[in-house]
Amino acid sequence: MTAKASTTAEAPSAPPIPHEAEPGLRALSAFPLTPGSAPDHVVASWVRAYLMRPHAELGRAGAVCPFTPVAARLDSLLVGSSRATDEAEILAVMGRALAAFDAIACRPEQRPFRAVIVAFPRCGGDEGRARLKAVQNRLRPESIYRGKMIGLLEPQSEDQGLINPDFRPLRSPLPLLAIRTLVENDAPFVWRNPRLAPIYLLKFPLKGPLRLWSALWR
């Protein structure tokens, strides 16, 4: 009877994951190919099915995000999620994400292909977007200084494509913030965010000015 009782008893529920343990980043390769319902699984499936693939409305050949296929191959793309909704909590989560980004092991020539994506499923709607945007803006000065791009993607994004203005490339299944390295081909983004120009020209003094000039006349 005792043995039977022990096998039928329900296991105690796991304690809630504290915010300081978030965003629980894992390499994209750690996620199964079969789509799952957990937020980080949803994002991992979206990365594979959308960011890493061509799109008919993109206006150019290649993947929607040309960095992600290389990052996936190098195993330098991390995905996670957070339940945070408060601006201070989101900022703390992204601080840990930035530290994880810097800690990704790779050779120097592979560093431009590091990426970290953190989903915030509880930050939907206008208020959630405003909090994510506020955190993005607070992180922007340091990210610019350190040559990082921090992007905000969300289901209702109205940001236009660089080539096809009718395309909305930054729409994602869940609100998220993504981190990657500023690279030479980011000249069009620099024109949209002029505060990036000094660090961009400092990082790419030879080809940077020409890239910016070419982006201006696209």
Protein backbone atom coordinates (compact mmCIF):
# COMPACT_ATOMS: atom_id res chain seq x y z
CA MET A 1 0.00 0.00 0.00
CA THR A 2 2.79 2.36 0.85
CA ALA A 3 4.54 1.77 -2.48
CA LYS A 4 1.30 2.29 -4.34
CA ALA A 5 0.66 5.57 -2.56
CA SER A 6 4.13 6.85 -3.41
CA THR A 7 3.75 6.09 -7.12
CA THR A 8 0.34 7.71 -7.44
CA ALA A 9 1.07 10.82 -5.42
CA GLU A 10 1.45 13.95 -7.46
CA ALA A 11 4.93 15.42 -7.68
CA PRO A 12 5.27 18.82 -6.01
CA SER A 13 5.00 21.69 -8.43
CA ALA A 14 8.25 23.35 -9.40
CA PRO A 15 8.92 26.72 -7.80
CA PRO A 16 8.47 29.72 -10.11
CA ILE A 17 11.55 30.79 -12.00
CA PRO A 18 12.81 34.05 -10.51
CA HIS A 19 13.28 36.95 -12.90
CA GLU A 20 17.00 36.94 -12.16
CA ALA A 21 17.19 33.52 -13.84
CA GLU A 22 15.66 34.86 -17.04
CA PRO A 23 15.90 34.97 -20.01
CA GLY A 24 17.16 31.35 -19.91
CA LEU A 25 19.02 31.65 -23.21
CA ARG A 26 19.74 28.57 -25.31
CA ALA A 27 21.38 28.10 -28.67
CA LEU A 28 18.94 27.79 -31.57
CA SER A 29 20.28 24.28 -32.17
CA ALA A 30 18.97 23.23 -28.73
CA PHE A 31 15.35 23.74 -29.81
CA PRO A 32 13.54 20.86 -31.52
CA LEU A 33 12.54 21.30 -35.13
CA THR A 34 8.94 20.51 -34.19
CA PRO A 35 7.19 23.78 -33.21
CA GLY A 36 6.30 24.14 -29.54
CA SER A 37 3.94 26.42 -27.64
CA ALA A 38 6.40 27.89 -25.12
CA PRO A 39 7.41 31.47 -26.04
CA ASP A 40 11.06 30.65 -26.71
CA HIS A 41 10.03 27.66 -28.84
CA VAL A 42 7.67 29.89 -30.83
CA VAL A 43 10.50 32.35 -31.48
CA ALA A 44 12.96 29.59 -32.42
CA SER A 45 10.48 28.22 -34.98
CA TRP A 46 9.91 31.73 -36.37
CA VAL A 47 13.67 32.28 -36.73
CA ARG A 48 13.96 29.10 -38.79
CA ALA A 49 10.83 29.58 -40.86
CA TYR A 50 11.04 33.34 -41.44
CA LEU A 51 14.34 35.07 -40.62
CA MET A 52 16.49 32.33 -42.16
CA ARG A 53 14.47 32.06 -45.37
CA PRO A 54 13.79 34.21 -48.46
CA HIS A 55 10.53 36.14 -48.68
CA ALA A 56 8.65 37.06 -51.85
CA GLU A 57 8.06 40.65 -50.65
CA LEU A 58 11.60 41.30 -49.41
CA GLY A 59 12.81 42.88 -52.65
CA ARG A 60 16.14 41.07 -52.80
CA ALA A 61 17.53 37.55 -52.86
CA GLY A 62 18.57 35.73 -49.71
CA ALA A 63 17.22 35.35 -46.20
CA VAL A 64 15.07 38.01 -44.55
CA CYS A 65 17.93 38.44 -42.05
CA PRO A 66 21.14 37.41 -43.81
CA PHE A 67 22.98 37.07 -40.49
CA THR A 68 20.79 34.37 -38.99
CA PRO A 69 21.68 31.44 -41.30
CA VAL A 70 25.38 32.01 -40.61
CA ALA A 71 24.78 32.51 -36.87
CA ALA A 72 22.75 29.29 -36.75
CA ARG A 73 25.50 27.39 -38.55
CA LEU A 74 28.11 28.76 -36.12
CA ASP A 75 25.83 28.01 -33.16
CA SER A 76 26.16 31.62 -32.06
CA LEU A 77 22.46 32.52 -32.02
CA LEU A 78 20.78 32.41 -28.60
CA VAL A 79 17.03 32.47 -27.95
CA GLY A 80 15.14 32.99 -24.71
CA SER A 81 12.05 34.56 -23.19
CA SER A 82 11.02 36.55 -20.15
CA ARG A 83 7.79 37.14 -18.24
CA ALA A 84 8.91 40.65 -17.33
CA THR A 85 6.49 43.51 -17.94
CA ASP A 86 7.92 46.27 -15.77
CA GLU A 87 10.45 48.53 -17.46
CA ALA A 88 13.07 48.01 -14.75
CA GLU A 89 12.69 44.23 -15.00
CA ILE A 90 12.95 44.32 -18.79
CA LEU A 91 16.08 46.44 -18.51
CA ALA A 92 17.63 43.93 -16.09
CA VAL A 93 16.76 41.01 -18.37
CA MET A 94 18.35 42.75 -21.32
CA GLY A 95 21.44 43.52 -19.25
CA ARG A 96 21.86 39.78 -18.75
CA ALA A 97 21.18 39.21 -22.45
CA LEU A 98 23.91 41.68 -23.40
CA ALA A 99 26.35 39.93 -21.07
CA ALA A 100 25.43 36.60 -22.68
CA PHE A 101 25.95 38.14 -26.11
CA ASP A 102 29.47 39.26 -25.16
CA ALA A 103 30.22 35.79 -23.76
CA ILE A 104 29.33 33.86 -26.94
CA ALA A 105 32.46 31.88 -27.82
CA CYS A 106 33.63 32.30 -31.39
CA ARG A 107 36.67 33.24 -33.42
CA PRO A 108 37.29 36.97 -33.98
CA GLU A 109 36.19 36.83 -37.61
CA GLN A 110 32.90 35.20 -36.54
CA ARG A 111 31.96 37.86 -33.99
CA PRO A 112 29.68 39.79 -36.41
CA PHE A 113 27.45 36.72 -36.56
CA ARG A 114 26.53 36.57 -32.89
CA ALA A 115 22.90 37.24 -32.00
CA VAL A 116 20.60 37.09 -28.99
CA ILE A 117 16.80 37.18 -29.22
CA VAL A 118 14.60 37.62 -26.14
CA ALA A 119 10.81 37.35 -26.34
CA PHE A 120 8.55 39.27 -23.97
CA PRO A 121 5.15 37.59 -24.43
CA ARG A 122 3.50 39.69 -21.71
CA CYS A 123 4.44 42.96 -23.41
CA GLY A 124 1.77 42.97 -26.10
CA GLY A 125 -0.33 45.99 -26.98
CA ASP A 126 0.56 49.66 -26.93
CA GLU A 127 1.67 49.75 -23.29
CA GLY A 128 3.95 46.74 -23.63
CA ARG A 129 5.46 48.09 -26.81
CA ALA A 130 6.06 51.45 -25.13
CA ARG A 131 7.99 49.73 -22.31
CA LEU A 132 10.11 47.72 -24.72
CA LYS A 133 10.77 50.86 -26.77
CA ALA A 134 11.78 52.74 -23.63
CA VAL A 135 14.27 50.01 -22.72
CA GLN A 136 15.61 49.97 -26.27
CA ASN A 137 16.16 53.73 -26.08
CA ARG A 138 17.83 53.48 -22.66
CA LEU A 139 20.24 50.84 -23.95
CA ARG A 140 20.93 52.59 -27.23
CA PRO A 141 23.75 54.94 -26.12
CA GLU A 142 25.83 52.07 -24.70
CA SER A 143 24.96 49.77 -27.57
CA ILE A 144 26.00 52.41 -30.09
CA TYR A 145 29.27 53.00 -28.23
CA ARG A 146 29.99 49.26 -28.22
CA GLY A 147 28.90 48.74 -31.82
CA LYS A 148 25.74 46.74 -31.13
CA MET A 149 22.32 46.91 -32.71
CA ILE A 150 19.28 46.39 -30.47
CA GLY A 151 16.12 45.91 -32.50
CA LEU A 152 12.47 45.85 -31.45
CA LEU A 153 10.21 43.43 -33.32
CA GLU A 154 6.51 42.88 -32.67
CA PRO A 155 3.37 41.47 -34.31
CA GLN A 156 2.01 44.90 -35.37
CA SER A 157 5.28 46.51 -36.47
CA GLU A 158 4.82 49.12 -39.19
CA ASP A 159 8.53 49.57 -39.93
CA GLN A 160 9.05 49.47 -43.69
CA GLY A 161 11.47 47.31 -45.61
CA LEU A 162 14.64 48.96 -46.88
CA ILE A 163 13.98 47.92 -50.48
CA ASN A 164 10.23 47.30 -50.60
CA PRO A 165 8.41 49.92 -48.48
CA ASP A 166 5.25 47.80 -48.58
CA PHE A 167 7.00 44.96 -46.74
CA ARG A 168 6.99 44.86 -42.92
CA PRO A 169 10.13 42.86 -42.09
CA LEU A 170 10.08 43.47 -38.33
CA ARG A 171 6.83 41.65 -37.60
CA SER A 172 7.31 38.75 -35.23
CA PRO A 173 4.91 36.32 -33.52
CA LEU A 174 5.72 37.80 -30.09
CA PRO A 175 7.17 41.12 -28.92
CA LEU A 176 10.93 40.75 -28.68
CA LEU A 177 14.25 42.54 -28.46
CA ALA A 178 17.17 41.31 -30.56
CA ILE A 179 20.89 42.03 -30.21
CA ARG A 180 23.48 41.78 -32.95
CA THR A 181 26.72 43.43 -34.01
CA LEU A 182 26.80 46.61 -36.08
CA VAL A 183 28.30 45.66 -39.46
CA GLU A 184 29.41 47.48 -42.59
CA ASN A 185 26.22 46.63 -44.48
CA ASP A 186 24.16 48.48 -41.85
CA ALA A 187 24.61 51.80 -43.65
CA PRO A 188 20.86 52.09 -44.46
CA PHE A 189 20.03 51.62 -40.75
CA VAL A 190 22.57 54.28 -39.86
CA TRP A 191 20.76 56.77 -42.07
CA ARG A 192 17.57 55.96 -40.17
CA ASN A 193 19.36 56.32 -36.81
CA PRO A 194 21.93 59.12 -37.21
CA ARG A 195 23.31 58.59 -33.70
CA LEU A 196 24.90 55.42 -35.06
CA ALA A 197 26.98 57.41 -37.58
CA PRO A 198 30.01 58.28 -35.39
CA ILE A 199 30.62 54.71 -34.19
CA TYR A 200 29.84 53.36 -37.66
CA LEU A 201 32.45 55.62 -39.27
CA LEU A 202 34.91 54.86 -36.48
CA LYS A 203 34.49 51.11 -37.01
CA PHE A 204 34.54 51.33 -40.82
CA PRO A 205 36.71 54.35 -41.69
CA LEU A 206 37.62 53.15 -45.19
CA LYS A 207 34.39 51.83 -46.70
CA GLY A 208 31.91 53.33 -44.25
CA PRO A 209 31.60 56.77 -45.89
CA LEU A 210 31.07 55.20 -49.32
CA ARG A 211 28.48 52.82 -47.90
CA LEU A 212 26.60 55.71 -46.31
CA TRP A 213 26.72 57.71 -49.52
CA SER A 214 25.42 54.76 -51.52
CA ALA A 215 22.63 54.16 -48.98
CA LEU A 216 21.53 57.78 -49.27
CA TRP A 217 20.87 57.39 -53.01
CA ARG A 218 19.07 54.05 -52.92
